[in-house]
PDB file of N, CA and C in Angstrom:
ATOM      1  N   MET A   1      -3.611  -0.029 -11.106  1.00  0.00           N
ATOM      2  CA  MET A   1      -4.733  -0.928 -11.342  1.00  0.00           C
ATOM      3  C   MET A   1      -4.938  -1.051 -12.851  1.00  0.00           C
ATOM      4  N   ASP A   2      -5.105  -2.249 -13.337  1.00  0.00           N
ATOM      5  CA  ASP A   2      -5.259  -2.454 -14.767  1.00  0.00           C
ATOM      6  C   ASP A   2      -6.735  -2.535 -15.154  1.00  0.00           C
ATOM      7  N   ALA A   3      -6.961  -2.541 -16.472  1.00  0.00           N
ATOM      8  CA  ALA A   3      -8.332  -2.549 -16.990  1.00  0.00           C
ATOM      9  C   ALA A   3      -9.081  -3.809 -16.589  1.00  0.00           C
ATOM     10  N   GLN A   4      -8.385  -4.921 -16.496  1.00  0.00           N
ATOM     11  CA  GLN A   4      -9.034  -6.174 -16.126  1.00  0.00           C
ATOM     12  C   GLN A   4      -9.644  -6.095 -14.728  1.00  0.00           C
ATOM     13  N   THR A   5      -8.941  -5.447 -13.810  1.00  0.00           N
ATOM     14  CA  THR A   5      -9.453  -5.304 -12.448  1.00  0.00           C
ATOM     15  C   THR A   5     -10.725  -4.456 -12.428  1.00  0.00           C
ATOM     16  N   PHE A   6     -10.740  -3.390 -13.235  1.00  0.00           N
ATOM     17  CA  PHE A   6     -11.938  -2.560 -13.327  1.00  0.00           C
ATOM     18  C   PHE A   6     -13.112  -3.388 -13.827  1.00  0.00           C
ATOM     19  N   LEU A   7     -12.876  -4.153 -14.867  1.00  0.00           N
ATOM     20  CA  LEU A   7     -13.956  -4.965 -15.432  1.00  0.00           C
ATOM     21  C   LEU A   7     -14.384  -6.069 -14.480  1.00  0.00           C
ATOM     22  N   ASP A   8     -13.430  -6.656 -13.744  1.00  0.00           N
ATOM     23  CA  ASP A   8     -13.791  -7.678 -12.758  1.00  0.00           C
ATOM     24  C   ASP A   8     -14.707  -7.096 -11.680  1.00  0.00           C
ATOM     25  N   SER A   9     -14.370  -5.901 -11.210  1.00  0.00           N
ATOM     26  CA  SER A   9     -15.203  -5.237 -10.199  1.00  0.00           C
ATOM     27  C   SER A   9     -16.593  -4.945 -10.747  1.00  0.00           C
ATOM     28  N   TYR A  10     -16.651  -4.505 -11.989  1.00  0.00           N
ATOM     29  CA  TYR A  10     -17.932  -4.211 -12.632  1.00  0.00           C
ATOM     30  C   TYR A  10     -18.781  -5.477 -12.729  1.00  0.00           C
ATOM     31  N   VAL A  11     -18.172  -6.547 -13.207  1.00  0.00           N
ATOM     32  CA  VAL A  11     -18.894  -7.811 -13.370  1.00  0.00           C
ATOM     33  C   VAL A  11     -19.349  -8.342 -12.014  1.00  0.00           C
ATOM     34  N   THR A  12     -18.507  -8.219 -10.994  1.00  0.00           N
ATOM     35  CA  THR A  12     -18.879  -8.664  -9.651  1.00  0.00           C
ATOM     36  C   THR A  12     -20.116  -7.925  -9.161  1.00  0.00           C
ATOM     37  N   CYS A  13     -20.132  -6.614  -9.335  1.00  0.00           N
ATOM     38  CA  CYS A  13     -21.283  -5.829  -8.877  1.00  0.00           C
ATOM     39  C   CYS A  13     -22.532  -6.142  -9.690  1.00  0.00           C
ATOM     40  N   ILE A  14     -22.377  -6.390 -10.977  1.00  0.00           N
ATOM     41  CA  ILE A  14     -23.537  -6.741 -11.802  1.00  0.00           C
ATOM     42  C   ILE A  14     -24.072  -8.116 -11.394  1.00  0.00           C
ATOM     43  N   LYS A  15     -23.185  -9.062 -11.116  1.00  0.00           N
ATOM     44  CA  LYS A  15     -23.627 -10.396 -10.704  1.00  0.00           C
ATOM     45  C   LYS A  15     -24.362 -10.353  -9.366  1.00  0.00           C
ATOM     46  N   LYS A  16     -23.969  -9.426  -8.491  1.00  0.00           N
ATOM     47  CA  LYS A  16     -24.623  -9.284  -7.192  1.00  0.00           C
ATOM     48  C   LYS A  16     -25.697  -8.186  -7.268  1.00  0.00           C
ATOM     49  N   TYR A  17     -26.397  -8.107  -8.392  1.00  0.00           N
ATOM     50  CA  TYR A  17     -27.292  -6.988  -8.660  1.00  0.00           C
ATOM     51  C   TYR A  17     -28.378  -6.789  -7.625  1.00  0.00           C
ATOM     52  N   SER A  18     -28.795  -7.847  -6.951  1.00  0.00           N
ATOM     53  CA  SER A  18     -29.864  -7.679  -5.969  1.00  0.00           C
ATOM     54  C   SER A  18     -29.406  -8.073  -4.570  1.00  0.00           C
ATOM     55  N   ASP A  19     -28.115  -8.177  -4.357  1.00  0.00           N
ATOM     56  CA  ASP A  19     -27.560  -8.560  -3.060  1.00  0.00           C
ATOM     57  C   ASP A  19     -27.249  -7.297  -2.256  1.00  0.00           C
ATOM     58  N   PHE A  20     -28.145  -6.954  -1.351  1.00  0.00           N
ATOM     59  CA  PHE A  20     -27.961  -5.768  -0.528  1.00  0.00           C
ATOM     60  C   PHE A  20     -27.254  -6.103   0.783  1.00  0.00           C
ATOM     61  N   ALA A  21     -26.906  -7.361   0.984  1.00  0.00           N
ATOM     62  CA  ALA A  21     -26.191  -7.791   2.185  1.00  0.00           C
ATOM     63  C   ALA A  21     -24.713  -7.966   1.833  1.00  0.00           C
ATOM     64  N   GLY A  22     -23.894  -8.044   2.843  1.00  0.00           N
ATOM     65  CA  GLY A  22     -22.466  -8.220   2.608  1.00  0.00           C
ATOM     66  C   GLY A  22     -21.760  -6.882   2.482  1.00  0.00           C
ATOM     67  N   ILE A  23     -20.554  -6.936   1.950  1.00  0.00           N
ATOM     68  CA  ILE A  23     -19.753  -5.713   1.850  1.00  0.00           C
ATOM     69  C   ILE A  23     -19.182  -5.576   0.440  1.00  0.00           C
ATOM     70  N   ALA A  24     -18.821  -4.347   0.100  1.00  0.00           N
ATOM     71  CA  ALA A  24     -18.090  -4.038  -1.123  1.00  0.00           C
ATOM     72  C   ALA A  24     -16.932  -3.137  -0.712  1.00  0.00           C
ATOM     73  N   LYS A  25     -15.733  -3.572  -0.985  1.00  0.00           N
ATOM     74  CA  LYS A  25     -14.562  -2.772  -0.652  1.00  0.00           C
ATOM     75  C   LYS A  25     -14.546  -1.494  -1.485  1.00  0.00           C
ATOM     76  N   ARG A  26     -13.783  -0.518  -1.030  1.00  0.00           N
ATOM     77  CA  ARG A  26     -13.733   0.788  -1.685  1.00  0.00           C
ATOM     78  C   ARG A  26     -13.314   0.658  -3.150  1.00  0.00           C
ATOM     79  N   GLN A  27     -12.281  -0.130  -3.422  1.00  0.00           N
ATOM     80  CA  GLN A  27     -11.787  -0.294  -4.787  1.00  0.00           C
ATOM     81  C   GLN A  27     -12.854  -0.897  -5.692  1.00  0.00           C
ATOM     82  N   GLU A  28     -13.542  -1.918  -5.213  1.00  0.00           N
ATOM     83  CA  GLU A  28     -14.592  -2.564  -6.004  1.00  0.00           C
ATOM     84  C   GLU A  28     -15.706  -1.581  -6.322  1.00  0.00           C
ATOM     85  N   PHE A  29     -16.147  -0.836  -5.327  1.00  0.00           N
ATOM     86  CA  PHE A  29     -17.260   0.096  -5.524  1.00  0.00           C
ATOM     87  C   PHE A  29     -16.898   1.196  -6.508  1.00  0.00           C
ATOM     88  N   TRP A  30     -15.757   1.847  -6.298  1.00  0.00           N
ATOM     89  CA  TRP A  30     -15.398   2.975  -7.149  1.00  0.00           C
ATOM     90  C   TRP A  30     -15.022   2.539  -8.554  1.00  0.00           C
ATOM     91  N   SER A  31     -14.503   1.325  -8.710  1.00  0.00           N
ATOM     92  CA  SER A  31     -14.257   0.787 -10.055  1.00  0.00           C
ATOM     93  C   SER A  31     -15.583   0.595 -10.779  1.00  0.00           C
ATOM     94  N   PHE A  32     -16.567   0.078 -10.070  1.00  0.00           N
ATOM     95  CA  PHE A  32     -17.912  -0.103 -10.626  1.00  0.00           C
ATOM     96  C   PHE A  32     -18.494   1.248 -11.051  1.00  0.00           C
ATOM     97  N   VAL A  33     -18.346   2.254 -10.216  1.00  0.00           N
ATOM     98  CA  VAL A  33     -18.868   3.588 -10.527  1.00  0.00           C
ATOM     99  C   VAL A  33     -18.174   4.149 -11.769  1.00  0.00           C
ATOM    100  N   LEU A  34     -16.851   3.999 -11.857  1.00  0.00           N
ATOM    101  CA  LEU A  34     -16.111   4.516 -13.002  1.00  0.00           C
ATOM    102  C   LEU A  34     -16.532   3.835 -14.301  1.00  0.00           C
ATOM    103  N   VAL A  35     -16.621   2.518 -14.290  1.00  0.00           N
ATOM    104  CA  VAL A  35     -17.024   1.796 -15.505  1.00  0.00           C
ATOM    105  C   VAL A  35     -18.456   2.167 -15.883  1.00  0.00           C
ATOM    106  N   ASN A  36     -19.349   2.280 -14.902  1.00  0.00           N
ATOM    107  CA  ASN A  36     -20.728   2.710 -15.178  1.00  0.00           C
ATOM    108  C   ASN A  36     -20.743   4.078 -15.845  1.00  0.00           C
ATOM    109  N   PHE A  37     -19.954   5.002 -15.319  1.00  0.00           N
ATOM    110  CA  PHE A  37     -19.898   6.354 -15.867  1.00  0.00           C
ATOM    111  C   PHE A  37     -19.408   6.332 -17.308  1.00  0.00           C
ATOM    112  N   LEU A  38     -18.333   5.587 -17.561  1.00  0.00           N
ATOM    113  CA  LEU A  38     -17.773   5.540 -18.911  1.00  0.00           C
ATOM    114  C   LEU A  38     -18.741   4.913 -19.912  1.00  0.00           C
ATOM    115  N   ILE A  39     -19.410   3.848 -19.510  1.00  0.00           N
ATOM    116  CA  ILE A  39     -20.390   3.208 -20.392  1.00  0.00           C
ATOM    117  C   ILE A  39     -21.554   4.159 -20.655  1.00  0.00           C
ATOM    118  N   SER A  40     -22.028   4.814 -19.623  1.00  0.00           N
ATOM    119  CA  SER A  40     -23.154   5.729 -19.762  1.00  0.00           C
ATOM    120  C   SER A  40     -22.815   6.897 -20.698  1.00  0.00           C
ATOM    121  N   VAL A  41     -21.637   7.471 -20.528  1.00  0.00           N
ATOM    122  CA  VAL A  41     -21.218   8.583 -21.398  1.00  0.00           C
ATOM    123  C   VAL A  41     -21.079   8.092 -22.835  1.00  0.00           C
ATOM    124  N   GLY A  42     -20.458   6.922 -23.010  1.00  0.00           N
ATOM    125  CA  GLY A  42     -20.309   6.372 -24.359  1.00  0.00           C
ATOM    126  C   GLY A  42     -21.633   6.127 -25.039  1.00  0.00           C
ATOM    127  N   LEU A  43     -22.574   5.543 -24.322  1.00  0.00           N
ATOM    128  CA  LEU A  43     -23.891   5.283 -24.899  1.00  0.00           C
ATOM    129  C   LEU A  43     -24.647   6.578 -25.183  1.00  0.00           C
ATOM    130  N   SER A  44     -24.467   7.569 -24.333  1.00  0.00           N
ATOM    131  CA  SER A  44     -25.146   8.853 -24.536  1.00  0.00           C
ATOM    132  C   SER A  44     -24.618   9.572 -25.775  1.00  0.00           C
ATOM    133  N   PHE A  45     -23.319   9.384 -26.067  1.00  0.00           N
ATOM    134  CA  PHE A  45     -22.781   9.971 -27.292  1.00  0.00           C
ATOM    135  C   PHE A  45     -23.389   9.321 -28.526  1.00  0.00           C
ATOM    136  N   LEU A  46     -23.649   8.023 -28.450  1.00  0.00           N
ATOM    137  CA  LEU A  46     -24.264   7.334 -29.582  1.00  0.00           C
ATOM    138  C   LEU A  46     -25.709   7.780 -29.762  1.00  0.00           C
ATOM    139  N   TRP A  47     -26.453   7.732 -28.646  1.00  0.00           N
ATOM    140  CA  TRP A  47     -27.858   8.123 -28.669  1.00  0.00           C
ATOM    141  C   TRP A  47     -28.279   8.353 -27.230  1.00  0.00           C
ATOM    142  N   ARG A  48     -28.752   9.530 -26.930  1.00  0.00           N
ATOM    143  CA  ARG A  48     -29.066   9.899 -25.545  1.00  0.00           C
ATOM    144  C   ARG A  48     -30.012   8.905 -24.876  1.00  0.00           C
ATOM    145  N   PHE A  49     -30.946   8.375 -25.632  1.00  0.00           N
ATOM    146  CA  PHE A  49     -31.917   7.412 -25.101  1.00  0.00           C
ATOM    147  C   PHE A  49     -31.216   6.152 -24.579  1.00  0.00           C
ATOM    148  N   LEU A  50     -30.149   5.713 -25.261  1.00  0.00           N
ATOM    149  CA  LEU A  50     -29.409   4.535 -24.816  1.00  0.00           C
ATOM    150  C   LEU A  50     -28.789   4.753 -23.440  1.00  0.00           C
ATOM    151  N   GLY A  51     -28.262   5.945 -23.203  1.00  0.00           N
ATOM    152  CA  GLY A  51     -27.695   6.267 -21.895  1.00  0.00           C
ATOM    153  C   GLY A  51     -28.745   6.214 -20.796  1.00  0.00           C
ATOM    154  N   SER A  52     -29.949   6.682 -21.114  1.00  0.00           N
ATOM    155  CA  SER A  52     -31.045   6.649 -20.133  1.00  0.00           C
ATOM    156  C   SER A  52     -31.483   5.222 -19.842  1.00  0.00           C
ATOM    157  N   ILE A  53     -31.590   4.411 -20.864  1.00  0.00           N
ATOM    158  CA  ILE A  53     -31.975   3.006 -20.682  1.00  0.00           C
ATOM    159  C   ILE A  53     -30.920   2.278 -19.847  1.00  0.00           C
ATOM    160  N   TYR A  54     -29.651   2.537 -20.150  1.00  0.00           N
ATOM    161  CA  TYR A  54     -28.570   1.908 -19.383  1.00  0.00           C
ATOM    162  C   TYR A  54     -28.639   2.349 -17.919  1.00  0.00           C
ATOM    163  N   GLY A  55     -28.895   3.628 -17.681  1.00  0.00           N
ATOM    164  CA  GLY A  55     -29.009   4.133 -16.318  1.00  0.00           C
ATOM    165  C   GLY A  55     -30.108   3.427 -15.533  1.00  0.00           C
ATOM    166  N   LEU A  56     -31.221   3.189 -16.183  1.00  0.00           N
ATOM    167  CA  LEU A  56     -32.307   2.457 -15.525  1.00  0.00           C
ATOM    168  C   LEU A  56     -31.928   0.997 -15.294  1.00  0.00           C
ATOM    169  N   ALA A  57     -31.189   0.414 -16.241  1.00  0.00           N
ATOM    170  CA  ALA A  57     -30.810  -0.990 -16.128  1.00  0.00           C
ATOM    171  C   ALA A  57     -29.846  -1.233 -14.964  1.00  0.00           C
ATOM    172  N   VAL A  58     -28.996  -0.256 -14.655  1.00  0.00           N
ATOM    173  CA  VAL A  58     -28.019  -0.444 -13.574  1.00  0.00           C
ATOM    174  C   VAL A  58     -28.433   0.260 -12.285  1.00  0.00           C
ATOM    175  N   LEU A  59     -29.671   0.717 -12.204  1.00  0.00           N
ATOM    176  CA  LEU A  59     -30.132   1.391 -10.984  1.00  0.00           C
ATOM    177  C   LEU A  59     -30.089   0.464  -9.776  1.00  0.00           C
ATOM    178  N   VAL A  60     -30.693  -0.717  -9.877  1.00  0.00           N
ATOM    179  CA  VAL A  60     -30.709  -1.655  -8.747  1.00  0.00           C
ATOM    180  C   VAL A  60     -29.294  -2.138  -8.407  1.00  0.00           C
ATOM    181  N   PRO A  61     -28.469  -2.530  -9.409  1.00  0.00           N
ATOM    182  CA  PRO A  61     -27.098  -2.919  -9.051  1.00  0.00           C
ATOM    183  C   PRO A  61     -26.307  -1.786  -8.385  1.00  0.00           C
ATOM    184  N   SER A  62     -26.553  -0.557  -8.793  1.00  0.00           N
ATOM    185  CA  SER A  62     -25.856   0.576  -8.177  1.00  0.00           C
ATOM    186  C   SER A  62     -26.289   0.788  -6.725  1.00  0.00           C
ATOM    187  N   LEU A  63     -27.583   0.665  -6.479  1.00  0.00           N
ATOM    188  CA  LEU A  63     -28.077   0.792  -5.106  1.00  0.00           C
ATOM    189  C   LEU A  63     -27.552  -0.342  -4.228  1.00  0.00           C
ATOM    190  N   ALA A  64     -27.500  -1.548  -4.789  1.00  0.00           N
ATOM    191  CA  ALA A  64     -26.992  -2.694  -4.031  1.00  0.00           C
ATOM    192  C   ALA A  64     -25.512  -2.521  -3.724  1.00  0.00           C
ATOM    193  N   ALA A  65     -24.730  -2.068  -4.701  1.00  0.00           N
ATOM    194  CA  ALA A  65     -23.296  -1.841  -4.477  1.00  0.00           C
ATOM    195  C   ALA A  65     -23.091  -0.743  -3.440  1.00  0.00           C
ATOM    196  N   GLY A  66     -23.911   0.299  -3.493  1.00  0.00           N
ATOM    197  CA  GLY A  66     -23.820   1.375  -2.505  1.00  0.00           C
ATOM    198  C   GLY A  66     -24.151   0.882  -1.103  1.00  0.00           C
ATOM    199  N   ALA A  67     -25.164   0.046  -1.001  1.00  0.00           N
ATOM    200  CA  ALA A  67     -25.537  -0.507   0.310  1.00  0.00           C
ATOM    201  C   ALA A  67     -24.410  -1.378   0.859  1.00  0.00           C
ATOM    202  N   ARG A  68     -23.828  -2.222  -0.011  1.00  0.00           N
ATOM    203  CA  ARG A  68     -22.722  -3.069   0.445  1.00  0.00           C
ATOM    204  C   ARG A  68     -21.504  -2.230   0.833  1.00  0.00           C
ATOM    205  N   ARG A  69     -21.272  -1.135   0.105  1.00  0.00           N
ATOM    206  CA  ARG A  69     -20.150  -0.247   0.449  1.00  0.00           C
ATOM    207  C   ARG A  69     -20.384   0.396   1.815  1.00  0.00           C
ATOM    208  N   LEU A  70     -21.601   0.827   2.071  1.00  0.00           N
ATOM    209  CA  LEU A  70     -21.910   1.430   3.370  1.00  0.00           C
ATOM    210  C   LEU A  70     -21.815   0.398   4.488  1.00  0.00           C
ATOM    211  N   HIS A  71     -22.174  -0.847   4.217  1.00  0.00           N
ATOM    212  CA  HIS A  71     -22.018  -1.906   5.222  1.00  0.00           C
ATOM    213  C   HIS A  71     -20.547  -2.087   5.571  1.00  0.00           C
ATOM    214  N   ASP A  72     -19.664  -1.894   4.583  1.00  0.00           N
ATOM    215  CA  ASP A  72     -18.232  -2.060   4.804  1.00  0.00           C
ATOM    216  C   ASP A  72     -17.677  -1.025   5.777  1.00  0.00           C
ATOM    217  N   ILE A  73     -18.338   0.128   5.874  1.00  0.00           N
ATOM    218  CA  ILE A  73     -17.868   1.138   6.833  1.00  0.00           C
ATOM    219  C   ILE A  73     -18.717   1.154   8.100  1.00  0.00           C
ATOM    220  N   GLY A  74     -19.610   0.174   8.221  1.00  0.00           N
ATOM    221  CA  GLY A  74     -20.391   0.046   9.439  1.00  0.00           C
ATOM    222  C   GLY A  74     -21.684   0.846   9.462  1.00  0.00           C
ATOM    223  N   LYS A  75     -22.179   1.252   8.300  1.00  0.00           N
ATOM    224  CA  LYS A  75     -23.423   2.016   8.209  1.00  0.00           C
ATOM    225  C   LYS A  75     -24.491   1.170   7.528  1.00  0.00           C
ATOM    226  N   SER A  76     -25.722   1.562   7.710  1.00  0.00           N
ATOM    227  CA  SER A  76     -26.841   0.905   7.035  1.00  0.00           C
ATOM    228  C   SER A  76     -26.922   1.404   5.597  1.00  0.00           C
ATOM    229  N   GLY A  77     -27.413   0.556   4.717  1.00  0.00           N
ATOM    230  CA  GLY A  77     -27.596   0.947   3.326  1.00  0.00           C
ATOM    231  C   GLY A  77     -28.626   2.052   3.150  1.00  0.00           C
ATOM    232  N   TRP A  78     -29.469   2.222   4.143  1.00  0.00           N
ATOM    233  CA  TRP A  78     -30.496   3.263   4.088  1.00  0.00           C
ATOM    234  C   TRP A  78     -29.901   4.671   4.083  1.00  0.00           C
ATOM    235  N   TRP A  79     -28.632   4.812   4.470  1.00  0.00           N
ATOM    236  CA  TRP A  79     -27.984   6.119   4.439  1.00  0.00           C
ATOM    237  C   TRP A  79     -27.943   6.692   3.025  1.00  0.00           C
ATOM    238  N   GLN A  80     -28.137   5.856   2.019  1.00  0.00           N
ATOM    239  CA  GLN A  80     -28.164   6.341   0.638  1.00  0.00           C
ATOM    240  C   GLN A  80     -29.318   7.312   0.399  1.00  0.00           C
ATOM    241  N   LEU A  81     -30.344   7.230   1.214  1.00  0.00           N
ATOM    242  CA  LEU A  81     -31.494   8.122   1.049  1.00  0.00           C
ATOM    243  C   LEU A  81     -31.137   9.588   1.293  1.00  0.00           C
ATOM    244  N   LEU A  82     -29.987   9.829   1.902  1.00  0.00           N
ATOM    245  CA  LEU A  82     -29.562  11.212   2.126  1.00  0.00           C
ATOM    246  C   LEU A  82     -29.338  11.971   0.823  1.00  0.00           C
ATOM    247  N   VAL A  83     -29.161  11.253  -0.290  1.00  0.00           N
ATOM    248  CA  VAL A  83     -28.988  11.947  -1.571  1.00  0.00           C
ATOM    249  C   VAL A  83     -30.237  12.727  -1.954  1.00  0.00           C
ATOM    250  N   LEU A  84     -31.358  12.450  -1.297  1.00  0.00           N
ATOM    251  CA  LEU A  84     -32.582  13.195  -1.563  1.00  0.00           C
ATOM    252  C   LEU A  84     -32.537  14.610  -0.998  1.00  0.00           C
ATOM    253  N   ILE A  85     -31.592  14.865  -0.105  1.00  0.00           N
ATOM    254  CA  ILE A  85     -31.392  16.218   0.425  1.00  0.00           C
ATOM    255  C   ILE A  85     -30.470  16.945  -0.557  1.00  0.00           C
ATOM    256  N   PRO A  86     -30.935  18.032  -1.147  1.00  0.00           N
ATOM    257  CA  PRO A  86     -30.123  18.701  -2.170  1.00  0.00           C
ATOM    258  C   PRO A  86     -28.736  19.112  -1.656  1.00  0.00           C
ATOM    259  N   LEU A  87     -27.746  18.897  -2.452  1.00  0.00           N
ATOM    260  CA  LEU A  87     -26.347  19.248  -2.281  1.00  0.00           C
ATOM    261  C   LEU A  87     -25.695  18.660  -1.037  1.00  0.00           C
ATOM    262  N   VAL A  88     -26.187  19.012   0.146  1.00  0.00           N
ATOM    263  CA  VAL A  88     -25.576  18.536   1.394  1.00  0.00           C
ATOM    264  C   VAL A  88     -25.672  17.021   1.497  1.00  0.00           C
ATOM    265  N   GLY A  89     -26.803  16.448   1.122  1.00  0.00           N
ATOM    266  CA  GLY A  89     -26.978  15.005   1.172  1.00  0.00           C
ATOM    267  C   GLY A  89     -26.019  14.288   0.241  1.00  0.00           C
ATOM    268  N   TRP A  90     -25.881  14.798  -0.995  1.00  0.00           N
ATOM    269  CA  TRP A  90     -24.954  14.204  -1.964  1.00  0.00           C
ATOM    270  C   TRP A  90     -23.526  14.241  -1.442  1.00  0.00           C
ATOM    271  N   ILE A  91     -23.134  15.392  -0.930  1.00  0.00           N
ATOM    272  CA  ILE A  91     -21.760  15.544  -0.436  1.00  0.00           C
ATOM    273  C   ILE A  91     -21.490  14.570   0.705  1.00  0.00           C
ATOM    274  N   TYR A  92     -22.429  14.449   1.634  1.00  0.00           N
ATOM    275  CA  TYR A  92     -22.215  13.563   2.778  1.00  0.00           C
ATOM    276  C   TYR A  92     -22.182  12.094   2.358  1.00  0.00           C
ATOM    277  N   VAL A  93     -23.040  11.690   1.432  1.00  0.00           N
ATOM    278  CA  VAL A  93     -23.040  10.299   0.982  1.00  0.00           C
ATOM    279  C   VAL A  93     -21.735   9.981   0.249  1.00  0.00           C
ATOM    280  N   ILE A  94     -21.256  10.889  -0.574  1.00  0.00           N
ATOM    281  CA  ILE A  94     -19.970  10.665  -1.248  1.00  0.00           C
ATOM    282  C   ILE A  94     -18.853  10.577  -0.216  1.00  0.00           C
ATOM    283  N   TYR A  95     -18.913  11.409   0.809  1.00  0.00           N
ATOM    284  CA  TYR A  95     -17.929  11.345   1.896  1.00  0.00           C
ATOM    285  C   TYR A  95     -17.960   9.966   2.562  1.00  0.00           C
ATOM    286  N   LEU A  96     -19.156   9.466   2.857  1.00  0.00           N
ATOM    287  CA  LEU A  96     -19.272   8.145   3.473  1.00  0.00           C
ATOM    288  C   LEU A  96     -18.728   7.039   2.568  1.00  0.00           C
ATOM    289  N   LEU A  97     -19.063   7.103   1.283  1.00  0.00           N
ATOM    290  CA  LEU A  97     -18.634   6.074   0.343  1.00  0.00           C
ATOM    291  C   LEU A  97     -17.119   6.065   0.135  1.00  0.00           C
ATOM    292  N   ALA A  98     -16.487   7.193   0.395  1.00  0.00           N
ATOM    293  CA  ALA A  98     -15.029   7.299   0.210  1.00  0.00           C
ATOM    294  C   ALA A  98     -14.244   6.889   1.467  1.00  0.00           C
ATOM    295  N   GLN A  99     -14.921   6.594   2.550  1.00  0.00           N
ATOM    296  CA  GLN A  99     -14.241   6.226   3.795  1.00  0.00           C
ATOM    297  C   GLN A  99     -13.568   4.862   3.680  1.00  0.00           C
ATOM    298  N   PRO A 100     -12.471   4.659   4.396  1.00  0.00           N
ATOM    299  CA  PRO A 100     -11.825   3.340   4.397  1.00  0.00           C
ATOM    300  C   PRO A 100     -12.678   2.326   5.155  1.00  0.00           C
ATOM    301  N   SER A 101     -12.414   1.061   4.891  1.00  0.00           N
ATOM    302  CA  SER A 101     -13.126  -0.014   5.583  1.00  0.00           C
ATOM    303  C   SER A 101     -12.916   0.079   7.083  1.00  0.00           C
ATOM    304  N   ARG A 102     -13.869  -0.449   7.829  1.00  0.00           N
ATOM    305  CA  ARG A 102     -13.763  -0.358   9.290  1.00  0.00           C
ATOM    306  C   ARG A 102     -12.861  -1.424   9.869  1.00  0.00           C
ATOM    307  N   ASP A 103     -12.305  -2.303   9.060  1.00  0.00           N
ATOM    308  CA  ASP A 103     -11.422  -3.386   9.560  1.00  0.00           C
ATOM    309  C   ASP A 103     -10.269  -2.833  10.347  1.00  0.00           C
TER     310      ASP A 103
END
């Protein structure tokens, strides 16, 4: 996978920032997560406050992408709330997000 594909996935998820319907394929979702992580780390190295502001700015797009990813495996987007359960919830949600499409 090349850098352009990563950026295309990122831009797609940002453009659908409030679209909680539909699906997001595994590649699109994880590319978005990777680019978000890299941008956040880069901004935090410059100034920690910038990383926090960026995190808040992509909160809704991240939740929307997660909901669309869960729809792709046949689950409701509300399953993301399991991250509120310490450790076990995070592990299970990551497991769900890593599942192949139900096609």
